């Protein structure tokens, strides 16, 4: 599975990174980015990050 972040809408709250640092991190501009694939081991946390995003800019899709 692949996670994406719409950086245009990201407010830089870092909630996704705090929930699932295995997939999300903050870039140099203070916006979230998905830097790793969603795996079986981290998919629950990745989906929680997607659902918790206050501006709904995270999407997780099956490859």
PDB file of N, CA and C in Angstrom:
ATOM      1  N   UNK A   1       0.847  -1.181   0.000  1.00  0.00           N
ATOM      2  CA  UNK A   1       0.000   0.000   0.000  1.00  0.00           C
ATOM      3  C   UNK A   1       0.886   1.236   0.000  1.00  0.00           C
ATOM      4  N   UNK A   2       0.343   2.293  -0.546  1.00  0.00           N
ATOM      5  CA  UNK A   2       1.073   3.543  -0.632  1.00  0.00           C
ATOM      6  C   UNK A   2       0.284   4.652   0.055  1.00  0.00           C
ATOM      7  N   UNK A   3       0.990   5.454   0.826  1.00  0.00           N
ATOM      8  CA  UNK A   3       0.384   6.624   1.461  1.00  0.00           C
ATOM      9  C   UNK A   3       0.819   7.867   0.693  1.00  0.00           C
ATOM     10  N   UNK A   4      -0.096   8.813   0.560  1.00  0.00           N
ATOM     11  CA  UNK A   4       0.226  10.098  -0.049  1.00  0.00           C
ATOM     12  C   UNK A   4      -0.296  11.217   0.837  1.00  0.00           C
ATOM     13  N   UNK A   5       0.342  12.368   0.708  1.00  0.00           N
ATOM     14  CA  UNK A   5      -0.078  13.562   1.443  1.00  0.00           C
ATOM     15  C   UNK A   5      -0.232  14.698   0.434  1.00  0.00           C
ATOM     16  N   UNK A   6      -1.381  15.346   0.440  1.00  0.00           N
ATOM     17  CA  UNK A   6      -1.598  16.531  -0.387  1.00  0.00           C
ATOM     18  C   UNK A   6      -0.980  17.712   0.353  1.00  0.00           C
ATOM     19  N   UNK A   7       0.249  18.051  -0.014  1.00  0.00           N
ATOM     20  CA  UNK A   7       0.988  19.081   0.714  1.00  0.00           C
ATOM     21  C   UNK A   7       0.344  20.457   0.602  1.00  0.00           C
ATOM     22  N   UNK A   8      -0.435  20.695  -0.444  1.00  0.00           N
ATOM     23  CA  UNK A   8      -1.104  21.993  -0.583  1.00  0.00           C
ATOM     24  C   UNK A   8      -2.096  22.232   0.549  1.00  0.00           C
ATOM     25  N   UNK A   9      -2.682  21.168   1.061  1.00  0.00           N
ATOM     26  CA  UNK A   9      -3.661  21.311   2.126  1.00  0.00           C
ATOM     27  C   UNK A   9      -3.116  21.038   3.512  1.00  0.00           C
ATOM     28  N   UNK A  10      -1.902  20.513   3.586  1.00  0.00           N
ATOM     29  CA  UNK A  10      -1.307  20.157   4.878  1.00  0.00           C
ATOM     30  C   UNK A  10      -1.065  21.408   5.719  1.00  0.00           C
ATOM     31  N   UNK A  11      -1.431  21.344   7.000  1.00  0.00           N
ATOM     32  CA  UNK A  11      -1.228  22.480   7.905  1.00  0.00           C
ATOM     33  C   UNK A  11      -0.016  22.283   8.811  1.00  0.00           C
ATOM     34  N   UNK A  12       0.704  21.178   8.633  1.00  0.00           N
ATOM     35  CA  UNK A  12       1.936  20.958   9.385  1.00  0.00           C
ATOM     36  C   UNK A  12       1.747  20.671  10.852  1.00  0.00           C
ATOM     37  N   UNK A  13       0.651  20.031  11.212  1.00  0.00           N
ATOM     38  CA  UNK A  13       0.391  19.765  12.632  1.00  0.00           C
ATOM     39  C   UNK A  13       1.214  18.608  13.182  1.00  0.00           C
ATOM     40  N   UNK A  14       1.745  17.761  12.302  1.00  0.00           N
ATOM     41  CA  UNK A  14       2.612  16.631  12.657  1.00  0.00           C
ATOM     42  C   UNK A  14       1.886  15.505  13.388  1.00  0.00           C
ATOM     43  N   UNK A  15       0.566  15.504  13.352  1.00  0.00           N
ATOM     44  CA  UNK A  15      -0.177  14.431  13.998  1.00  0.00           C
ATOM     45  C   UNK A  15       0.109  13.084  13.342  1.00  0.00           C
ATOM     46  N   UNK A  16       0.180  13.064  12.025  1.00  0.00           N
ATOM     47  CA  UNK A  16       0.445  11.802  11.326  1.00  0.00           C
ATOM     48  C   UNK A  16       1.807  11.232  11.719  1.00  0.00           C
ATOM     49  N   UNK A  17       2.801  12.087  11.819  1.00  0.00           N
ATOM     50  CA  UNK A  17       4.132  11.643  12.217  1.00  0.00           C
ATOM     51  C   UNK A  17       4.127  11.088  13.635  1.00  0.00           C
ATOM     52  N   UNK A  18       3.367  11.711  14.512  1.00  0.00           N
ATOM     53  CA  UNK A  18       3.320  11.227  15.891  1.00  0.00           C
ATOM     54  C   UNK A  18       2.589   9.891  16.002  1.00  0.00           C
ATOM     55  N   UNK A  19       1.629   9.644  15.114  1.00  0.00           N
ATOM     56  CA  UNK A  19       0.878   8.387  15.130  1.00  0.00           C
ATOM     57  C   UNK A  19       1.637   7.276  14.405  1.00  0.00           C
ATOM     58  N   UNK A  20       2.245   7.596  13.283  1.00  0.00           N
ATOM     59  CA  UNK A  20       2.897   6.577  12.458  1.00  0.00           C
ATOM     60  C   UNK A  20       4.223   7.092  11.876  1.00  0.00           C
ATOM     61  N   UNK A  21       5.246   7.210  12.716  1.00  0.00           N
ATOM     62  CA  UNK A  21       6.538   7.713  12.221  1.00  0.00           C
ATOM     63  C   UNK A  21       7.235   6.766  11.258  1.00  0.00           C
ATOM     64  N   UNK A  22       6.752   5.534  11.165  1.00  0.00           N
ATOM     65  CA  UNK A  22       7.328   4.585  10.212  1.00  0.00           C
ATOM     66  C   UNK A  22       6.975   4.931   8.762  1.00  0.00           C
ATOM     67  N   UNK A  23       5.944   5.752   8.570  1.00  0.00           N
ATOM     68  CA  UNK A  23       5.490   6.112   7.224  1.00  0.00           C
ATOM     69  C   UNK A  23       5.560   7.622   6.981  1.00  0.00           C
ATOM     70  N   UNK A  24       5.257   8.423   7.995  1.00  0.00           N
ATOM     71  CA  UNK A  24       5.154   9.866   7.814  1.00  0.00           C
ATOM     72  C   UNK A  24       6.254  10.608   8.569  1.00  0.00           C
ATOM     73  N   UNK A  25       6.687  11.717   7.966  1.00  0.00           N
ATOM     74  CA  UNK A  25       7.636  12.613   8.615  1.00  0.00           C
ATOM     75  C   UNK A  25       7.372  14.021   8.096  1.00  0.00           C
ATOM     76  N   UNK A  26       7.958  14.986   8.765  1.00  0.00           N
ATOM     77  CA  UNK A  26       7.821  16.372   8.344  1.00  0.00           C
ATOM     78  C   UNK A  26       9.003  16.726   7.454  1.00  0.00           C
ATOM     79  N   UNK A  27       8.717  17.416   6.344  1.00  0.00           N
ATOM     80  CA  UNK A  27       9.796  17.791   5.422  1.00  0.00           C
ATOM     81  C   UNK A  27      10.404  19.131   5.840  1.00  0.00           C
ATOM     82  N   UNK A  28      11.323  19.623   5.064  1.00  0.00           N
ATOM     83  CA  UNK A  28      12.024  20.865   5.390  1.00  0.00           C
ATOM     84  C   UNK A  28      11.117  22.090   5.370  1.00  0.00           C
ATOM     85  N   UNK A  29       9.976  21.984   4.688  1.00  0.00           N
ATOM     86  CA  UNK A  29       9.014  23.088   4.631  1.00  0.00           C
ATOM     87  C   UNK A  29       7.969  23.008   5.742  1.00  0.00           C
ATOM     88  N   UNK A  30       8.110  22.022   6.638  1.00  0.00           N
ATOM     89  CA  UNK A  30       7.159  21.869   7.730  1.00  0.00           C
ATOM     90  C   UNK A  30       5.860  21.207   7.320  1.00  0.00           C
ATOM     91  N   UNK A  31       5.872  20.525   6.199  1.00  0.00           N
ATOM     92  CA  UNK A  31       4.696  19.800   5.719  1.00  0.00           C
ATOM     93  C   UNK A  31       4.948  18.306   5.853  1.00  0.00           C
ATOM     94  N   UNK A  32       3.886  17.553   6.024  1.00  0.00           N
ATOM     95  CA  UNK A  32       4.012  16.099   6.147  1.00  0.00           C
ATOM     96  C   UNK A  32       4.340  15.487   4.803  1.00  0.00           C
ATOM     97  N   UNK A  33       5.067  14.388   4.851  1.00  0.00           N
ATOM     98  CA  UNK A  33       5.321  13.605   3.651  1.00  0.00           C
ATOM     99  C   UNK A  33       5.301  12.131   4.026  1.00  0.00           C
ATOM    100  N   UNK A  34       4.893  11.324   3.077  1.00  0.00           N
ATOM    101  CA  UNK A  34       4.941   9.877   3.241  1.00  0.00           C
ATOM    102  C   UNK A  34       6.248   9.426   2.615  1.00  0.00           C
ATOM    103  N   UNK A  35       7.148   8.904   3.434  1.00  0.00           N
ATOM    104  CA  UNK A  35       8.477   8.554   2.941  1.00  0.00           C
ATOM    105  C   UNK A  35       8.713   7.053   2.848  1.00  0.00           C
ATOM    106  N   UNK A  36       7.755   6.259   3.288  1.00  0.00           N
ATOM    107  CA  UNK A  36       7.919   4.806   3.266  1.00  0.00           C
ATOM    108  C   UNK A  36       6.595   4.146   2.901  1.00  0.00           C
ATOM    109  N   UNK A  37       6.689   2.920   2.431  1.00  0.00           N
ATOM    110  CA  UNK A  37       5.504   2.149   2.086  1.00  0.00           C
ATOM    111  C   UNK A  37       4.733   1.750   3.348  1.00  0.00           C
ATOM    112  N   UNK A  38       3.445   1.588   3.197  1.00  0.00           N
ATOM    113  CA  UNK A  38       2.614   1.045   4.262  1.00  0.00           C
ATOM    114  C   UNK A  38       2.750  -0.473   4.205  1.00  0.00           C
ATOM    115  N   UNK A  39       3.144  -1.065   5.323  1.00  0.00           N
ATOM    116  CA  UNK A  39       3.358  -2.508   5.403  1.00  0.00           C
ATOM    117  C   UNK A  39       2.315  -3.139   6.315  1.00  0.00           C
ATOM    118  N   UNK A  40       2.316  -4.457   6.357  1.00  0.00           N
ATOM    119  CA  UNK A  40       1.402  -5.152   7.273  1.00  0.00           C
ATOM    120  C   UNK A  40       1.662  -4.752   8.715  1.00  0.00           C
ATOM    121  N   UNK A  41       2.927  -4.491   9.033  1.00  0.00           N
ATOM    122  CA  UNK A  41       3.297  -4.149  10.411  1.00  0.00           C
ATOM    123  C   UNK A  41       2.822  -2.759  10.824  1.00  0.00           C
ATOM    124  N   UNK A  42       2.739  -1.810   9.879  1.00  0.00           N
ATOM    125  CA  UNK A  42       2.374  -0.447  10.266  1.00  0.00           C
ATOM    126  C   UNK A  42       1.042   0.035   9.681  1.00  0.00           C
ATOM    127  N   UNK A  43       0.312  -0.860   9.032  1.00  0.00           N
ATOM    128  CA  UNK A  43      -0.909  -0.401   8.356  1.00  0.00           C
ATOM    129  C   UNK A  43      -1.976   0.120   9.312  1.00  0.00           C
ATOM    130  N   UNK A  44      -2.109  -0.468  10.492  1.00  0.00           N
ATOM    131  CA  UNK A  44      -3.113   0.026  11.440  1.00  0.00           C
ATOM    132  C   UNK A  44      -2.799   1.465  11.854  1.00  0.00           C
ATOM    133  N   UNK A  45      -1.532   1.734  12.142  1.00  0.00           N
ATOM    134  CA  UNK A  45      -1.126   3.087  12.522  1.00  0.00           C
ATOM    135  C   UNK A  45      -1.268   4.048  11.348  1.00  0.00           C
ATOM    136  N   UNK A  46      -0.942   3.599  10.144  1.00  0.00           N
ATOM    137  CA  UNK A  46      -1.072   4.455   8.963  1.00  0.00           C
ATOM    138  C   UNK A  46      -2.535   4.832   8.722  1.00  0.00           C
ATOM    139  N   UNK A  47      -3.439   3.863   8.846  1.00  0.00           N
ATOM    140  CA  UNK A  47      -4.865   4.157   8.688  1.00  0.00           C
ATOM    141  C   UNK A  47      -5.361   5.080   9.797  1.00  0.00           C
ATOM    142  N   UNK A  48      -4.838   4.908  11.008  1.00  0.00           N
ATOM    143  CA  UNK A  48      -5.208   5.812  12.102  1.00  0.00           C
ATOM    144  C   UNK A  48      -4.751   7.239  11.787  1.00  0.00           C
ATOM    145  N   UNK A  49      -3.556   7.375  11.245  1.00  0.00           N
ATOM    146  CA  UNK A  49      -3.054   8.700  10.864  1.00  0.00           C
ATOM    147  C   UNK A  49      -3.935   9.317   9.778  1.00  0.00           C
ATOM    148  N   UNK A  50      -4.333   8.505   8.798  1.00  0.00           N
ATOM    149  CA  UNK A  50      -5.216   8.985   7.732  1.00  0.00           C
ATOM    150  C   UNK A  50      -6.532   9.500   8.315  1.00  0.00           C
ATOM    151  N   UNK A  51      -7.127   8.727   9.202  1.00  0.00           N
ATOM    152  CA  UNK A  51      -8.415   9.098   9.785  1.00  0.00           C
ATOM    153  C   UNK A  51      -8.301  10.282  10.753  1.00  0.00           C
ATOM    154  N   UNK A  52      -7.134  10.452  11.359  1.00  0.00           N
ATOM    155  CA  UNK A  52      -6.938  11.500  12.361  1.00  0.00           C
ATOM    156  C   UNK A  52      -6.533  12.844  11.768  1.00  0.00           C
ATOM    157  N   UNK A  53      -6.147  12.872  10.523  1.00  0.00           N
ATOM    158  CA  UNK A  53      -5.683  14.120   9.899  1.00  0.00           C
ATOM    159  C   UNK A  53      -6.803  15.168   9.964  1.00  0.00           C
ATOM    160  N   UNK A  54      -6.533  16.313  10.592  1.00  0.00           N
ATOM    161  CA  UNK A  54      -7.603  17.302  10.758  1.00  0.00           C
ATOM    162  C   UNK A  54      -8.033  17.983   9.461  1.00  0.00           C
ATOM    163  N   UNK A  55      -7.221  17.880   8.414  1.00  0.00           N
ATOM    164  CA  UNK A  55      -7.577  18.507   7.136  1.00  0.00           C
ATOM    165  C   UNK A  55      -7.763  17.484   6.023  1.00  0.00           C
ATOM    166  N   UNK A  56      -7.750  16.207   6.373  1.00  0.00           N
ATOM    167  CA  UNK A  56      -8.033  15.091   5.443  1.00  0.00           C
ATOM    168  C   UNK A  56      -7.201  15.125   4.168  1.00  0.00           C
ATOM    169  N   UNK A  57      -5.879  15.279   4.318  1.00  0.00           N
ATOM    170  CA  UNK A  57      -5.006  15.329   3.148  1.00  0.00           C
ATOM    171  C   UNK A  57      -4.201  14.051   2.954  1.00  0.00           C
ATOM    172  N   UNK A  58      -4.440  13.052   3.792  1.00  0.00           N
ATOM    173  CA  UNK A  58      -3.729  11.779   3.675  1.00  0.00           C
ATOM    174  C   UNK A  58      -4.620  10.768   2.971  1.00  0.00           C
ATOM    175  N   UNK A  59      -4.033  10.043   2.037  1.00  0.00           N
ATOM    176  CA  UNK A  59      -4.750   8.961   1.358  1.00  0.00           C
ATOM    177  C   UNK A  59      -3.846   7.731   1.365  1.00  0.00           C
ATOM    178  N   UNK A  60      -4.438   6.596   1.649  1.00  0.00           N
ATOM    179  CA  UNK A  60      -3.726   5.327   1.602  1.00  0.00           C
ATOM    180  C   UNK A  60      -4.441   4.466   0.577  1.00  0.00           C
ATOM    181  N   UNK A  61      -3.683   4.014  -0.429  1.00  0.00           N
ATOM    182  CA  UNK A  61      -4.269   3.241  -1.520  1.00  0.00           C
ATOM    183  C   UNK A  61      -3.507   1.935  -1.695  1.00  0.00           C
ATOM    184  N   UNK A  62      -4.235   0.925  -2.121  1.00  0.00           N
ATOM    185  CA  UNK A  62      -3.599  -0.369  -2.418  1.00  0.00           C
ATOM    186  C   UNK A  62      -2.901  -0.264  -3.759  1.00  0.00           C
ATOM    187  N   UNK A  63      -1.724  -0.835  -3.843  1.00  0.00           N
ATOM    188  CA  UNK A  63      -0.945  -0.796  -5.098  1.00  0.00           C
ATOM    189  C   UNK A  63      -1.493  -1.782  -6.101  1.00  0.00           C
TER     190      UNK A  63
END
